[in-house]
C-alpha atoms as a PDB file:
ATOM      1  CA  MET A   1      -7.680  -7.200  42.311  1.00  0.00           C
ATOM      2  CA  VAL A   2      -6.907  -3.538  42.029  1.00  0.00           C
ATOM      3  CA  ALA A   3      -9.833  -1.201  41.008  1.00  0.00           C
ATOM      4  CA  ASN A   4      -9.196  -0.134  37.604  1.00  0.00           C
ATOM      5  CA  ARG A   5      -9.640   3.341  37.887  1.00  0.00           C
ATOM      6  CA  PHE A   6      -7.263   6.490  37.283  1.00  0.00           C
ATOM      7  CA  SER A   7      -8.022   8.391  40.640  1.00  0.00           C
ATOM      8  CA  LYS A   8      -5.654  11.342  42.132  1.00  0.00           C
ATOM      9  CA  GLN A   9      -3.833   8.600  44.204  1.00  0.00           C
ATOM     10  CA  LEU A  10      -2.385   7.116  41.084  1.00  0.00           C
ATOM     11  CA  ARG A  11      -0.901  10.322  39.288  1.00  0.00           C
ATOM     12  CA  LEU A  12       1.752  12.608  39.711  1.00  0.00           C
ATOM     13  CA  LEU A  13       0.508  15.860  40.211  1.00  0.00           C
ATOM     14  CA  ARG A  14       2.676  18.160  42.046  1.00  0.00           C
ATOM     15  CA  ALA A  15       6.208  19.681  40.626  1.00  0.00           C
ATOM     16  CA  SER A  16       8.026  18.269  43.494  1.00  0.00           C
ATOM     17  CA  ASP A  17       7.213  14.960  42.699  1.00  0.00           C
ATOM     18  CA  PHE A  18       7.837  15.200  39.053  1.00  0.00           C
ATOM     19  CA  GLU A  19      11.545  16.789  40.078  1.00  0.00           C
ATOM     20  CA  ARG A  20      12.290  13.823  42.553  1.00  0.00           C
ATOM     21  CA  VAL A  21      11.817  11.444  39.506  1.00  0.00           C
ATOM     22  CA  PHE A  22      13.769  13.115  37.066  1.00  0.00           C
ATOM     23  CA  ASN A  23      16.217  13.719  39.818  1.00  0.00           C
ATOM     24  CA  ALA A  24      16.603   9.672  40.342  1.00  0.00           C
ATOM     25  CA  ARG A  25      18.007   9.245  36.471  1.00  0.00           C
ATOM     26  CA  GLN A  26      16.671   5.763  35.688  1.00  0.00           C
ATOM     27  CA  SER A  27      15.033   6.096  32.576  1.00  0.00           C
ATOM     28  CA  THR A  28      14.447   3.716  29.403  1.00  0.00           C
ATOM     29  CA  SER A  29      13.070   4.577  26.355  1.00  0.00           C
ATOM     30  CA  ASN A  30      11.404   3.085  22.919  1.00  0.00           C
ATOM     31  CA  GLY A  31      10.350   4.635  19.471  1.00  0.00           C
ATOM     32  CA  TRP A  32       7.348   6.586  21.027  1.00  0.00           C
ATOM     33  CA  LEU A  33       8.433   7.100  24.505  1.00  0.00           C
ATOM     34  CA  VAL A  34      10.851   7.638  27.326  1.00  0.00           C
ATOM     35  CA  LEU A  35      10.085   6.398  30.822  1.00  0.00           C
ATOM     36  CA  TYR A  36      11.744   7.886  33.837  1.00  0.00           C
ATOM     37  CA  GLY A  37      11.007   6.153  37.501  1.00  0.00           C
ATOM     38  CA  ALA A  38      11.776   6.230  40.963  1.00  0.00           C
ATOM     39  CA  ALA A  39      10.797   3.623  43.645  1.00  0.00           C
ATOM     40  CA  ASN A  40       7.949   5.052  45.805  1.00  0.00           C
ATOM     41  CA  GLU A  41       7.088   3.356  49.743  1.00  0.00           C
ATOM     42  CA  LEU A  42       3.476   3.525  48.454  1.00  0.00           C
ATOM     43  CA  GLY A  43       3.146  -0.115  46.998  1.00  0.00           C
ATOM     44  CA  HIS A  44       1.374   0.953  43.802  1.00  0.00           C
ATOM     45  CA  PRO A  45       2.646   2.835  40.634  1.00  0.00           C
ATOM     46  CA  ARG A  46       1.870   6.453  39.906  1.00  0.00           C
ATOM     47  CA  LEU A  47       1.848   7.799  36.566  1.00  0.00           C
ATOM     48  CA  GLY A  48       2.744  11.548  35.200  1.00  0.00           C
ATOM     49  CA  MET A  49       3.062  12.618  31.574  1.00  0.00           C
ATOM     50  CA  THR A  50       4.142  15.427  29.473  1.00  0.00           C
ATOM     51  CA  VAL A  51       3.652  15.576  25.969  1.00  0.00           C
ATOM     52  CA  SER A  52       5.406  18.691  24.064  1.00  0.00           C
ATOM     53  CA  ARG A  53       4.138  20.740  21.320  1.00  0.00           C
ATOM     54  CA  ARG A  54       6.264  19.202  18.556  1.00  0.00           C
ATOM     55  CA  VAL A  55       4.432  16.023  18.901  1.00  0.00           C
ATOM     56  CA  GLY A  56       1.367  18.061  17.141  1.00  0.00           C
ATOM     57  CA  ASN A  57      -1.371  20.151  17.691  1.00  0.00           C
ATOM     58  CA  ALA A  58      -4.128  19.625  20.969  1.00  0.00           C
ATOM     59  CA  VAL A  59      -6.240  16.883  19.122  1.00  0.00           C
ATOM     60  CA  VAL A  60      -2.839  15.134  18.920  1.00  0.00           C
ATOM     61  CA  ARG A  61      -1.282  15.700  22.251  1.00  0.00           C
ATOM     62  CA  ASN A  62      -4.697  14.489  23.585  1.00  0.00           C
ATOM     63  CA  ARG A  63      -5.106  11.471  21.842  1.00  0.00           C
ATOM     64  CA  TRP A  64      -1.429  10.459  23.159  1.00  0.00           C
ATOM     65  CA  LYS A  65      -2.573  11.367  26.721  1.00  0.00           C
ATOM     66  CA  ARG A  66      -5.745   9.282  26.426  1.00  0.00           C
ATOM     67  CA  LEU A  67      -3.805   6.638  24.932  1.00  0.00           C
ATOM     68  CA  LEU A  68      -1.326   6.131  28.050  1.00  0.00           C
ATOM     69  CA  ARG A  69      -4.007   6.917  30.797  1.00  0.00           C
ATOM     70  CA  GLU A  70      -5.881   3.943  29.313  1.00  0.00           C
ATOM     71  CA  ALA A  71      -2.987   1.913  28.847  1.00  0.00           C
ATOM     72  CA  PHE A  72      -2.220   2.627  32.462  1.00  0.00           C
ATOM     73  CA  ARG A  73      -5.183   2.124  33.843  1.00  0.00           C
ATOM     74  CA  LEU A  74      -5.614  -1.441  32.624  1.00  0.00           C
ATOM     75  CA  SER A  75      -2.247  -2.469  33.418  1.00  0.00           C
ATOM     76  CA  GLN A  76      -1.271  -0.680  36.661  1.00  0.00           C
ATOM     77  CA  ASP A  77      -1.720  -4.045  38.612  1.00  0.00           C
ATOM     78  CA  GLU A  78       0.790  -5.209  36.191  1.00  0.00           C
ATOM     79  CA  LEU A  79       3.442  -2.385  36.931  1.00  0.00           C
ATOM     80  CA  PRO A  80       5.951  -2.491  39.324  1.00  0.00           C
ATOM     81  CA  PRO A  81       5.284   0.178  42.468  1.00  0.00           C
ATOM     82  CA  MET A  82       7.013   3.121  41.551  1.00  0.00           C
ATOM     83  CA  ASP A  83       6.602   6.709  40.549  1.00  0.00           C
ATOM     84  CA  MET A  84       7.176   7.130  36.918  1.00  0.00           C
ATOM     85  CA  ILE A  85       7.147  10.012  34.023  1.00  0.00           C
ATOM     86  CA  CYS A  86       6.264   9.188  30.305  1.00  0.00           C
ATOM     87  CA  VAL A  87       7.785  11.691  27.708  1.00  0.00           C
ATOM     88  CA  ILE A  88       5.943  11.545  24.294  1.00  0.00           C
ATOM     89  CA  ARG A  89       8.807  11.339  21.634  1.00  0.00           C
ATOM     90  CA  GLY A  90       6.909   9.599  18.571  1.00  0.00           C
ATOM     91  CA  GLN A  91       4.748  11.612  16.202  1.00  0.00           C
ATOM     92  CA  ALA A  92       2.264   8.872  15.299  1.00  0.00           C
ATOM     93  CA  PRO A  93       0.441   7.022  18.525  1.00  0.00           C
ATOM     94  CA  PRO A  94       1.047   3.422  18.463  1.00  0.00           C
ATOM     95  CA  THR A  95      -1.734   1.047  18.773  1.00  0.00           C
ATOM     96  CA  PHE A  96      -3.525   0.446  22.167  1.00  0.00           C
ATOM     97  CA  SER A  97      -1.699  -2.827  22.417  1.00  0.00           C
ATOM     98  CA  GLN A  98       1.601  -1.835  21.516  1.00  0.00           C
ATOM     99  CA  MET A  99       1.222   1.170  24.055  1.00  0.00           C
ATOM    100  CA  ARG A 100       0.074  -1.091  26.805  1.00  0.00           C
ATOM    101  CA  GLU A 101       3.298  -3.652  25.846  1.00  0.00           C
ATOM    102  CA  ALA A 102       5.591  -0.726  25.909  1.00  0.00           C
ATOM    103  CA  LEU A 103       4.478   0.532  29.157  1.00  0.00           C
ATOM    104  CA  ILE A 104       4.803  -2.613  30.837  1.00  0.00           C
ATOM    105  CA  ALA A 105       8.389  -3.387  29.534  1.00  0.00           C
ATOM    106  CA  LEU A 106       9.538  -0.310  29.935  1.00  0.00           C
ATOM    107  CA  SER A 107       8.593  -0.002  33.685  1.00  0.00           C
ATOM    108  CA  GLY A 108       9.929  -3.231  34.121  1.00  0.00           C
ATOM    109  CA  GLN A 109      13.209  -2.352  32.749  1.00  0.00           C
ATOM    110  CA  VAL A 110      13.469   0.892  34.875  1.00  0.00           C
ATOM    111  CA  GLN A 111      12.510  -1.100  37.749  1.00  0.00           C
ATOM    112  CA  GLU A 112      15.697  -3.463  37.286  1.00  0.00           C
ATOM    113  CA  ARG A 113      17.796  -0.359  36.956  1.00  0.00           C
ATOM    114  CA  ILE A 114      16.801   0.560  40.071  1.00  0.00           C
ATOM    115  CA  GLU A 115      16.968  -2.711  42.059  1.00  0.00           C
ATOM    116  CA  LYS A 116      20.548  -3.156  40.790  1.00  0.00           C
ATOM    117  CA  ARG A 117      21.097   0.569  42.092  1.00  0.00           C
ATOM    118  CA  GLY A 118      20.179  -0.378  45.220  1.00  0.00           C
ATOM    119  CA  ARG A 119      22.226  -3.520  45.205  1.00  0.00           C
ATOM    120  CA  ARG A 120      25.260  -1.692  44.440  1.00  0.00           C
ATOM    121  CA  GLY A 121      24.667   1.085  46.835  1.00  0.00           C
ATOM    122  CA  ARG A 122      24.123  -1.557  49.639  1.00  0.00           C
ATOM    123  CA  ALA A 123      27.420  -3.238  48.718  1.00  0.00           C
ATOM    124  CA  ASN A 124      29.415  -0.201  49.009  1.00  0.00           C
ATOM    125  CA  GLN A 125      28.220   0.430  52.496  1.00  0.00           C
ATOM    126  CA  PRO A 126      30.395  -0.751  55.379  1.00  0.00           C
END
């Protein structure tokens, strides 16, 4: 079992990591967030997040970040090994269970797209 912590090894911290994920152009969304993903070779998921000021004041933005970090922390063993960035799009935060289910579902969808793109790329090679 993975230790349920949110250590630095589980975070996207550098701008180059964020750029790599955004440039992979693999994303999916629901009413609360947009999840971008890119494969990694680490064997575990990593999370980055952005919360715009349009979402609300600092209290609201921090609530979103705490909720997302906790959902990631407690479900990291159910997530595919990839780098993901969550961009918050909703105004009112969902419940914890809704956020956790959304994170698992969206990451699975992005993982399927990454695998589909990889299979398509290998089929075009000689």
